[in-house]
Amino acid sequence: KALEAIALEKDNVEDTEDRTKPDVENIDKRAGELMSDFNSQVFLLIMISLRSARNLTTRKAITLVQNKYREGTLSKISVADLRLYCKGVRIKIASNAKKAELLEAVQKFLG
């Protein structure tokens, strides 16, 4: 208000209603349930797509490891893919396991 009074060179400035602020209560009354349903559906779709992407990555790692095992070239697989494989087939491994330990666990599981 003080800044407005200085800018307009007036001693007293009238109170004005800020028409830029949304009427949250009225919006909530009219569309609250619809917005809530929309948010729930979008959240669900996001979670499904993330889960599918993770599952696809894990399935690719499982296929890769099984193919390389059959070919006898298991050691050429990255540590990340070995970890995904172990996670996908539920082989318990230490979080700091080295590649040699991962290879040993996978060979034991497959052999």
Protein backbone atom coordinates (compact mmCIF):
# COMPACT_ATOMS: atom_id res chain seq x y z
CA LYS A 1 0.00 0.00 0.00
CA ALA A 2 2.76 2.43 0.86
CA LEU A 3 4.45 1.84 -2.48
CA GLU A 4 1.15 2.30 -4.28
CA ALA A 5 0.52 5.57 -2.44
CA ILE A 6 3.96 6.86 -3.39
CA ALA A 7 3.55 5.81 -7.03
CA LEU A 8 0.14 7.47 -7.32
CA GLU A 9 1.25 10.45 -5.25
CA LYS A 10 -1.67 10.07 -2.88
CA ASP A 11 -1.85 10.09 0.88
CA ASN A 12 -4.61 7.50 1.09
CA VAL A 13 -5.11 4.55 -1.23
CA GLU A 14 -8.39 2.64 -1.38
CA ASP A 15 -8.47 -1.07 -0.73
CA THR A 16 -8.84 -3.03 -3.94
CA GLU A 17 -9.79 -6.60 -4.52
CA ASP A 18 -7.11 -8.74 -6.11
CA ARG A 19 -8.94 -10.35 -9.03
CA THR A 20 -5.91 -12.35 -10.11
CA LYS A 21 -6.15 -14.77 -7.20
CA PRO A 22 -8.19 -17.88 -8.06
CA ASP A 23 -11.30 -18.59 -6.04
CA VAL A 24 -9.97 -21.83 -4.61
CA GLU A 25 -13.07 -22.67 -2.58
CA ASN A 26 -15.40 -22.29 -5.55
CA ILE A 27 -13.06 -24.24 -7.83
CA ASP A 28 -12.86 -27.02 -5.25
CA LYS A 29 -16.66 -27.11 -4.91
CA ARG A 30 -17.21 -27.35 -8.65
CA ALA A 31 -14.33 -29.53 -9.80
CA GLY A 32 -12.64 -30.88 -6.69
CA GLU A 33 -13.81 -34.45 -7.12
CA LEU A 34 -13.03 -34.45 -10.86
CA MET A 35 -9.54 -33.07 -10.25
CA SER A 36 -8.92 -35.62 -7.55
CA ASP A 37 -10.03 -38.48 -9.84
CA PHE A 38 -7.87 -37.11 -12.66
CA ASN A 39 -4.82 -36.88 -10.38
CA SER A 40 -5.36 -40.44 -9.16
CA GLN A 41 -5.63 -41.80 -12.70
CA VAL A 42 -2.55 -39.94 -13.90
CA PHE A 43 -0.57 -41.13 -10.87
CA LEU A 44 -1.68 -44.71 -11.53
CA LEU A 45 -0.67 -44.51 -15.20
CA ILE A 46 2.74 -43.12 -14.26
CA MET A 47 3.31 -45.90 -11.74
CA ILE A 48 2.25 -48.58 -14.25
CA SER A 49 4.56 -47.21 -16.94
CA LEU A 50 7.50 -47.02 -14.50
CA ARG A 51 6.87 -50.55 -13.30
CA SER A 52 6.61 -51.81 -16.88
CA ALA A 53 9.85 -50.09 -17.83
CA ARG A 54 11.64 -51.63 -14.85
CA ASN A 55 10.20 -55.06 -15.60
CA LEU A 56 11.19 -54.78 -19.25
CA THR A 57 14.77 -53.88 -18.30
CA THR A 58 14.94 -56.81 -15.89
CA ARG A 59 13.49 -59.20 -18.48
CA LYS A 60 16.08 -58.05 -21.02
CA ALA A 61 18.86 -58.64 -18.48
CA ILE A 62 17.51 -62.13 -17.69
CA THR A 63 17.39 -63.03 -21.39
CA LEU A 64 20.87 -61.62 -21.96
CA VAL A 65 22.41 -63.54 -19.05
CA GLN A 66 20.75 -66.80 -20.06
CA ASN A 67 21.94 -66.42 -23.68
CA LYS A 68 25.50 -65.54 -22.65
CA TYR A 69 25.52 -68.47 -20.22
CA ARG A 70 24.58 -70.86 -23.05
CA GLU A 71 27.26 -69.31 -25.29
CA GLY A 72 29.87 -69.54 -22.53
CA THR A 73 30.51 -65.79 -22.58
CA LEU A 74 28.97 -64.87 -19.26
CA SER A 75 32.01 -62.80 -18.26
CA LYS A 76 31.27 -60.29 -21.03
CA ILE A 77 28.10 -59.08 -19.27
CA SER A 78 28.20 -55.78 -17.39
CA VAL A 79 27.92 -55.62 -13.62
CA ALA A 80 24.67 -53.67 -13.98
CA ASP A 81 23.07 -56.44 -16.04
CA LEU A 82 24.33 -59.10 -13.65
CA ARG A 83 22.79 -57.19 -10.74
CA LEU A 84 19.49 -56.86 -12.61
CA TYR A 85 19.53 -60.57 -13.36
CA CYS A 86 20.16 -61.43 -9.72
CA LYS A 87 17.36 -59.12 -8.65
CA GLY A 88 15.01 -60.53 -11.30
CA VAL A 89 15.54 -64.17 -10.34
CA ARG A 90 15.83 -63.33 -6.64
CA ILE A 91 19.44 -64.33 -6.06
CA LYS A 92 20.56 -62.72 -2.82
CA ILE A 93 23.75 -60.74 -3.29
CA ALA A 94 25.61 -58.15 -1.27
CA SER A 95 25.04 -54.58 -2.42
CA ASN A 96 28.79 -54.14 -2.86
CA ALA A 97 29.37 -57.49 -4.62
CA LYS A 98 32.15 -57.49 -7.21
CA LYS A 99 31.73 -58.81 -10.74
CA ALA A 100 33.49 -62.08 -9.85
CA GLU A 101 31.04 -62.66 -6.97
CA LEU A 102 28.07 -61.88 -9.22
CA LEU A 103 29.33 -64.26 -11.90
CA GLU A 104 29.85 -66.99 -9.30
CA ALA A 105 26.32 -66.54 -7.94
CA VAL A 106 24.79 -66.59 -11.43
CA GLN A 107 26.76 -69.67 -12.50
CA LYS A 108 25.79 -71.46 -9.30
CA PHE A 109 22.14 -70.56 -9.93
CA LEU A 110 22.19 -71.62 -13.58
CA GLY A 111 24.49 -74.62 -13.18
